[in-house]
Protein backbone atom coordinates (compact mmCIF):
# COMPACT_ATOMS: atom_id res chain seq x y z
CA UNK A 1 -0.15 0.09 0.00
CA UNK A 2 1.24 3.60 -0.99
CA UNK A 3 1.41 5.84 2.22
CA UNK A 4 -0.31 9.13 1.44
CA UNK A 5 0.86 12.24 3.04
CA UNK A 6 -0.72 15.50 2.33
CA UNK A 7 -0.24 19.04 3.76
CA UNK A 8 -1.82 22.52 2.91
CA UNK A 9 -0.11 26.00 2.36
CA UNK A 10 -1.99 29.41 1.88
CA UNK A 11 -0.26 32.70 2.05
CA UNK A 12 3.12 33.52 3.07
CA UNK A 13 3.49 32.75 6.80
CA UNK A 14 5.13 29.19 6.02
CA UNK A 15 5.91 28.45 2.14
CA UNK A 16 8.50 26.30 0.67
CA UNK A 17 11.02 26.29 3.37
CA UNK A 18 8.69 24.36 5.52
CA UNK A 19 7.26 22.14 2.84
CA UNK A 20 10.51 21.30 1.53
CA UNK A 21 11.86 20.42 5.19
CA UNK A 22 8.62 18.60 6.12
CA UNK A 23 9.15 16.42 3.10
CA UNK A 24 12.63 15.48 3.81
CA UNK A 25 11.90 14.66 7.48
CA UNK A 26 9.10 12.32 6.28
CA UNK A 27 11.15 11.02 3.52
CA UNK A 28 14.23 9.81 6.00
CA UNK A 29 11.43 8.37 8.52
CA UNK A 30 9.13 6.17 6.32
CA UNK A 31 9.06 2.97 4.57
CA UNK A 32 8.39 3.58 0.77
CA UNK A 33 6.29 3.63 -1.22
CA UNK A 34 4.71 6.96 -0.24
CA UNK A 35 3.61 10.07 -1.80
CA UNK A 36 3.73 13.68 -0.48
CA UNK A 37 1.09 16.11 -1.85
CA UNK A 38 0.92 19.71 -1.08
CA UNK A 39 -2.27 21.77 -1.63
CA UNK A 40 -0.86 25.36 -1.99
CA UNK A 41 -1.58 28.38 -3.75
CA UNK A 42 2.09 29.11 -5.17
CA UNK A 43 4.09 26.08 -6.10
CA UNK A 44 7.22 28.21 -6.82
CA UNK A 45 10.24 27.10 -4.63
CA UNK A 46 8.61 23.98 -3.68
CA UNK A 47 11.22 20.76 -4.35
CA UNK A 48 10.44 18.72 -7.26
CA UNK A 49 9.95 15.45 -5.22
CA UNK A 50 6.73 17.04 -3.62
CA UNK A 51 3.39 16.85 -5.82
CA UNK A 52 1.77 20.52 -5.79
CA UNK A 53 -1.93 20.64 -6.13
CA UNK A 54 -4.11 23.86 -6.17
CA UNK A 55 -5.92 24.74 -3.33
CA UNK A 56 -9.54 22.77 -3.07
CA UNK A 57 -12.23 25.19 -3.64
CA UNK A 58 -14.13 26.63 -0.85
CA UNK A 59 -16.18 29.33 -1.82
CA UNK A 60 -17.53 30.85 1.54
CA UNK A 61 -16.38 33.92 3.65
CA UNK A 62 -14.09 32.59 6.52
CA UNK A 63 -15.12 32.95 10.04
CA UNK A 64 -13.78 35.93 12.10
CA UNK A 65 -12.97 36.42 15.77
CA UNK A 66 -11.91 32.55 16.02
CA UNK A 67 -8.70 30.94 16.87
CA UNK A 68 -9.44 27.82 14.79
CA UNK A 69 -7.58 27.09 11.40
CA UNK A 70 -10.74 27.06 9.45
CA UNK A 71 -9.29 27.08 5.97
CA UNK A 72 -8.08 23.50 6.64
CA UNK A 73 -11.66 22.69 6.01
CA UNK A 74 -10.78 22.69 2.40
CA UNK A 75 -9.35 19.12 2.99
CA UNK A 76 -12.90 17.67 3.85
CA UNK A 77 -14.00 17.87 0.14
CA UNK A 78 -15.38 14.87 -1.60
CA UNK A 79 -12.13 14.78 -3.83
CA UNK A 80 -8.45 15.61 -3.06
CA UNK A 81 -6.95 15.67 -6.65
CA UNK A 82 -6.79 11.79 -7.38
CA UNK A 83 -6.13 10.69 -4.08
CA UNK A 84 -8.34 7.74 -2.67
CA UNK A 85 -8.39 5.96 0.61
CA UNK A 86 -6.68 7.08 4.03
CA UNK A 87 -4.47 10.10 3.78
CA UNK A 88 -2.21 11.43 6.34
CA UNK A 89 -2.42 14.97 6.92
CA UNK A 90 0.39 16.87 8.54
CA UNK A 91 1.14 20.51 9.74
CA UNK A 92 3.91 22.58 8.01
CA UNK A 93 5.46 23.55 11.39
CA UNK A 94 6.00 20.15 12.72
CA UNK A 95 9.22 18.21 13.42
CA UNK A 96 9.50 14.27 12.45
CA UNK A 97 11.80 12.54 14.86
CA UNK A 98 10.84 9.06 14.28
CA UNK A 99 9.73 6.36 11.96
CA UNK A 100 6.07 7.06 10.50
CA UNK A 101 5.05 3.84 9.40
CA UNK A 102 2.69 3.21 12.36
CA UNK A 103 0.40 6.21 11.40
CA UNK A 104 -0.58 4.13 8.39
CA UNK A 105 -1.00 0.57 10.17
CA UNK A 106 -2.84 1.92 13.28
CA UNK A 107 -6.52 1.30 13.26
CA UNK A 108 -8.85 0.46 10.30
CA UNK A 109 -8.45 2.43 6.72
CA UNK A 110 -11.79 4.17 7.37
CA UNK A 111 -10.93 5.55 10.57
CA UNK A 112 -10.42 9.21 11.62
CA UNK A 113 -7.59 9.17 14.01
CA UNK A 114 -6.06 12.36 15.71
CA UNK A 115 -3.52 13.21 18.41
CA UNK A 116 -5.13 13.94 21.70
CA UNK A 117 -4.89 17.61 22.45
CA UNK A 118 -2.72 17.95 25.72
CA UNK A 119 -4.15 21.54 26.43
CA UNK A 120 -7.76 20.16 27.51
CA UNK A 121 -7.06 17.20 29.69
CA UNK A 122 -10.51 17.13 30.90
CA UNK A 123 -11.90 17.04 27.53
CA UNK A 124 -11.93 14.31 24.65
CA UNK A 125 -10.54 16.36 22.03
CA UNK A 126 -8.58 15.79 19.12
CA UNK A 127 -5.52 17.72 17.73
CA UNK A 128 -5.43 18.19 13.85
CA UNK A 129 -1.86 18.68 13.47
CA UNK A 130 -1.32 15.30 12.30
CA UNK A 131 -4.54 13.33 11.41
CA UNK A 132 -5.48 10.58 9.14
CA UNK A 133 -8.84 10.29 7.42
CA UNK A 134 -10.35 8.63 4.18
CA UNK A 135 -10.80 11.07 1.39
CA UNK A 136 -14.35 11.86 1.08
CA UNK A 137 -15.20 10.80 4.92
CA UNK A 138 -15.40 14.33 6.43
CA UNK A 139 -17.60 15.68 3.57
CA UNK A 140 -20.64 16.10 5.95
CA UNK A 141 -18.75 18.31 8.20
CA UNK A 142 -17.66 20.59 5.09
CA UNK A 143 -21.35 20.84 3.94
CA UNK A 144 -22.45 21.94 7.51
CA UNK A 145 -19.77 24.33 7.58
CA UNK A 146 -20.49 25.98 4.40
CA UNK A 147 -24.05 26.21 5.32
CA UNK A 148 -23.16 28.87 8.12
CA UNK A 149 -19.33 29.27 8.65
CA UNK A 150 -19.49 31.61 11.42
CA UNK A 151 -21.98 30.06 13.46
CA UNK A 152 -20.00 26.82 13.42
CA UNK A 153 -16.76 28.65 14.24
CA UNK A 154 -18.71 30.44 17.20
CA UNK A 155 -19.85 27.26 18.46
CA UNK A 156 -16.82 25.19 18.39
CA UNK A 157 -13.89 27.73 18.41
CA UNK A 158 -11.39 25.22 16.98
CA UNK A 159 -11.89 23.41 13.76
CA UNK A 160 -10.27 20.24 15.62
CA UNK A 161 -13.17 20.17 18.13
CA UNK A 162 -15.51 20.44 15.27
CA UNK A 163 -13.81 17.44 13.89
CA UNK A 164 -13.64 15.56 17.12
CA UNK A 165 -17.20 15.91 17.95
CA UNK A 166 -18.77 15.34 14.45
CA UNK A 167 -16.68 12.93 12.36
CA UNK A 168 -18.96 10.43 10.87
CA UNK A 169 -18.41 7.10 13.07
CA UNK A 170 -16.21 9.17 15.72
CA UNK A 171 -12.57 9.25 16.04
CA UNK A 172 -9.91 7.65 17.56
CA UNK A 173 -6.50 8.75 18.83
CA UNK A 174 -2.85 7.81 18.11
CA UNK A 175 -0.81 6.05 20.97
CA UNK A 176 0.27 8.03 23.69
CA UNK A 177 3.83 9.41 23.36
CA UNK A 178 3.96 9.46 19.16
CA UNK A 179 2.90 13.09 19.14
CA UNK A 180 4.35 15.63 21.56
CA UNK A 181 4.06 19.06 21.99
CA UNK A 182 7.29 21.15 22.07
CA UNK A 183 6.63 23.75 24.79
CA UNK A 184 4.66 20.95 27.24
CA UNK A 185 6.59 18.19 26.63
CA UNK A 186 10.60 19.37 25.52
CA UNK A 187 11.12 22.69 27.61
CA UNK A 188 12.73 22.62 30.86
CA UNK A 189 11.00 24.22 33.77
CA UNK A 190 12.77 27.32 35.50
CA UNK A 191 15.85 27.58 36.39
CA UNK A 192 16.72 24.41 34.19
CA UNK A 193 15.86 26.04 31.24
CA UNK A 194 18.93 28.47 31.59
CA UNK A 195 21.33 25.56 32.04
CA UNK A 196 19.85 22.59 29.71
CA UNK A 197 18.52 22.54 26.28
CA UNK A 198 15.03 21.52 25.56
CA UNK A 199 14.86 17.46 25.63
CA UNK A 200 14.04 15.47 22.78
CA UNK A 201 10.98 13.16 24.08
CA UNK A 202 11.69 9.40 23.87
CA UNK A 203 9.56 7.15 21.63
CA UNK A 204 8.22 10.34 19.90
CA UNK A 205 7.37 10.40 16.19
CA UNK A 206 6.73 13.87 15.60
CA UNK A 207 6.89 17.22 17.81
CA UNK A 208 4.29 19.70 17.17
CA UNK A 209 4.66 23.40 17.63
CA UNK A 210 1.34 25.34 18.45
CA UNK A 211 1.21 28.71 20.01
CA UNK A 212 3.65 30.54 17.90
CA UNK A 213 6.74 28.82 18.70
CA UNK A 214 8.51 27.43 15.67
CA UNK A 215 11.39 25.31 14.76
CA UNK A 216 13.46 28.02 13.42
CA UNK A 217 13.02 29.64 16.98
CA UNK A 218 13.99 26.74 19.23
CA UNK A 219 17.03 26.14 16.82
CA UNK A 220 18.47 29.46 17.68
CA UNK A 221 17.43 29.19 21.52
CA UNK A 222 14.41 31.61 20.95
CA UNK A 223 11.18 30.94 22.64
CA UNK A 224 9.25 32.82 20.07
CA UNK A 225 9.71 35.87 17.80
CA UNK A 226 9.44 38.33 20.82
CA UNK A 227 12.30 36.71 22.56
CA UNK A 228 16.10 37.52 22.12
CA UNK A 229 18.53 34.95 20.70
CA UNK A 230 21.56 36.72 22.67
CA UNK A 231 21.87 34.14 25.50
CA UNK A 232 20.59 33.95 29.06
CA UNK A 233 22.13 37.07 30.24
CA UNK A 234 20.65 39.14 27.64
CA UNK A 235 17.25 37.50 28.45
CA UNK A 236 17.43 37.97 31.95
CA UNK A 237 18.15 41.83 31.49
CA UNK A 238 15.20 41.95 29.28
CA UNK A 239 13.20 41.22 32.40
CA UNK A 240 13.50 45.01 33.42
CA UNK A 241 12.90 46.34 29.99
CA UNK A 242 9.85 48.52 29.59
CA UNK A 243 8.90 46.52 26.39
CA UNK A 244 8.69 42.94 28.16
CA UNK A 245 5.50 41.66 26.82
CA UNK A 246 4.87 38.83 29.66
CA UNK A 247 4.60 38.85 33.38
CA UNK A 248 7.95 38.15 35.26
CA UNK A 249 7.85 34.72 36.02
CA UNK A 250 6.23 33.60 32.60
CA UNK A 251 9.24 35.61 30.85
CA UNK A 252 11.87 33.82 32.77
CA UNK A 253 10.15 30.65 31.98
CA UNK A 254 10.28 31.28 28.44
CA UNK A 255 14.06 31.27 28.08
CA UNK A 256 15.32 28.33 26.17
CA UNK A 257 18.67 27.21 25.03
CA UNK A 258 19.29 26.15 21.33
CA UNK A 259 17.57 22.72 20.44
CA UNK A 260 20.51 21.28 18.31
CA UNK A 261 18.07 18.25 17.96
CA UNK A 262 15.39 20.09 16.27
CA UNK A 263 18.11 21.41 13.92
CA UNK A 264 18.97 18.11 12.83
CA UNK A 265 15.54 16.83 12.38
CA UNK A 266 14.14 19.95 10.73
CA UNK A 267 16.81 19.69 7.78
CA UNK A 268 16.15 19.96 3.89
CA UNK A 269 18.96 17.10 3.17
């Protein structure tokens, strides 16, 4: 069976740099045969091994005032180019750190399987950073969303909650430990974050980066774009800056040393 991986890109936030590195991480950690398809609005600069396809049409006005990534609803279409059967969707900002074969072996081909969202431990909520679904199975969700996008977004806030609660036949979760959250599973607690680099979680297959912290940041030793890369002393001095964005203790917790293992995994080679 050919393993089918898809991703999506629109606008200029990510682009070829992220697409090409995600492909390389997949290629290093999967048993062929596999395909890698990117649905995008601009194929320029994307490496030739990546199959590019136009964004699936979604002729609706996107909801406002919500944190969900609702343009992902394009992937719920009846057709995705000429792909058939199960596809594995991967966010562009994740890093592959282990073998991906299990994501195609878990469950049954007709299953919708998501990562468990760690930010809501008391809610059975899926995380759509990496999830598998059969092409066309989520069409009922797309039809409901298109009927009133703003109402759906207002009710569910996040597209992953909408998928979790409404996927036909329900959803399943990946085994615990396969999908790890950088800020929750890799960063060190204060004050160890000033002395030890972020850890690579044992047994992880992918590491996801929600919340504005991205692979280039942590490779450079930067929690996010608002923090310095000039080392622990410069970070500590920033505690006394009038431009500091976070409360003092949160600011101190948000220092990280460079994560070399992320740099090794997030490589285009």
